[in-house]
Amino acid sequence: MAHPAVLRKLVDEYEALRAVHADRSNVEPRGRIAEVACALCISTGTSDVDAALVAAYHQLRGAQVHDDSLLAR
């Protein structure tokens, strides 16, 4: 499972892109949504974006990130 800060970033980006895509039928966000969905699936060990979101929410619900020094590299 990915670091909680990484999961949070992926979930936030996926939700933001999904909201943008809902407002417009622009091709560019769709490509990025697919990339982020794939990253979410890989990070959570799932093969479906909905399952990946559930797994990420479950992990993030109890996660308390106090040290993100590994992400600063």
Protein backbone atom coordinates (compact mmCIF):
# COMPACT_ATOMS: atom_id res chain seq x y z
CA MET A 1 0.00 0.00 0.00
CA ALA A 2 1.28 3.45 -0.85
CA HIS A 3 2.23 6.08 1.70
CA PRO A 4 -0.92 7.86 2.97
CA ALA A 5 0.25 11.22 1.62
CA VAL A 6 0.63 9.71 -1.85
CA LEU A 7 -2.80 8.09 -1.65
CA ARG A 8 -4.36 11.37 -0.48
CA LYS A 9 -2.80 13.22 -3.42
CA LEU A 10 -4.01 10.62 -5.91
CA VAL A 11 -7.54 10.56 -4.49
CA ASP A 12 -7.74 14.36 -4.43
CA GLU A 13 -6.46 14.63 -7.99
CA TYR A 14 -8.82 11.92 -9.24
CA GLU A 15 -11.82 13.59 -7.62
CA ALA A 16 -10.85 17.02 -8.98
CA LEU A 17 -10.37 15.68 -12.50
CA ARG A 18 -13.64 13.80 -12.34
CA ALA A 19 -15.41 17.03 -11.34
CA VAL A 20 -13.78 18.93 -14.23
CA HIS A 21 -14.69 16.16 -16.65
CA ALA A 22 -18.31 16.23 -15.46
CA ASP A 23 -18.49 19.94 -16.31
CA ARG A 24 -16.87 19.63 -19.74
CA SER A 25 -16.40 16.95 -22.33
CA ASN A 26 -12.74 17.84 -22.80
CA VAL A 27 -10.44 15.05 -23.99
CA GLU A 28 -7.38 16.21 -22.00
CA PRO A 29 -8.77 15.57 -18.49
CA ARG A 30 -9.99 12.14 -19.61
CA GLY A 31 -6.44 11.05 -20.38
CA ARG A 32 -5.17 12.30 -17.05
CA ILE A 33 -8.10 10.67 -15.23
CA ALA A 34 -7.07 7.34 -16.76
CA GLU A 35 -3.47 7.86 -15.62
CA VAL A 36 -4.48 8.73 -12.07
CA ALA A 37 -6.98 5.85 -11.96
CA CYS A 38 -4.22 3.47 -13.02
CA ALA A 39 -1.89 4.86 -10.33
CA LEU A 40 -4.64 4.43 -7.73
CA CYS A 41 -5.17 0.82 -8.78
CA ILE A 42 -1.47 0.05 -8.63
CA SER A 43 -1.09 1.82 -5.28
CA THR A 44 -3.95 -0.11 -3.71
CA GLY A 45 -3.44 -3.47 -5.41
CA THR A 46 -6.81 -3.39 -7.12
CA SER A 47 -7.86 -3.61 -10.76
CA ASP A 48 -10.87 -1.29 -10.69
CA VAL A 49 -10.87 2.43 -9.87
CA ASP A 50 -13.97 2.15 -7.68
CA ALA A 51 -12.33 -0.60 -5.61
CA ALA A 52 -9.14 1.48 -5.51
CA LEU A 53 -11.03 4.45 -4.10
CA VAL A 54 -12.69 2.29 -1.45
CA ALA A 55 -9.32 0.82 -0.47
CA ALA A 56 -7.69 4.26 -0.39
CA TYR A 57 -10.51 5.77 1.70
CA HIS A 58 -10.28 2.84 4.09
CA GLN A 59 -6.54 3.28 4.52
CA LEU A 60 -6.72 7.06 4.77
CA ARG A 61 -9.52 7.02 7.31
CA GLY A 62 -7.18 5.69 9.99
CA ALA A 63 -3.92 7.14 8.71
CA GLN A 64 -2.22 9.92 10.54
CA VAL A 65 0.67 11.28 8.52
CA HIS A 66 3.18 12.93 10.82
CA ASP A 67 6.33 12.36 8.82
CA ASP A 68 6.36 12.87 5.08
CA SER A 69 10.13 13.21 4.80
CA LEU A 70 10.27 10.31 2.33
CA LEU A 71 8.15 12.34 -0.07
CA ALA A 72 10.46 15.37 0.08
CA ARG A 73 13.23 13.65 -1.88
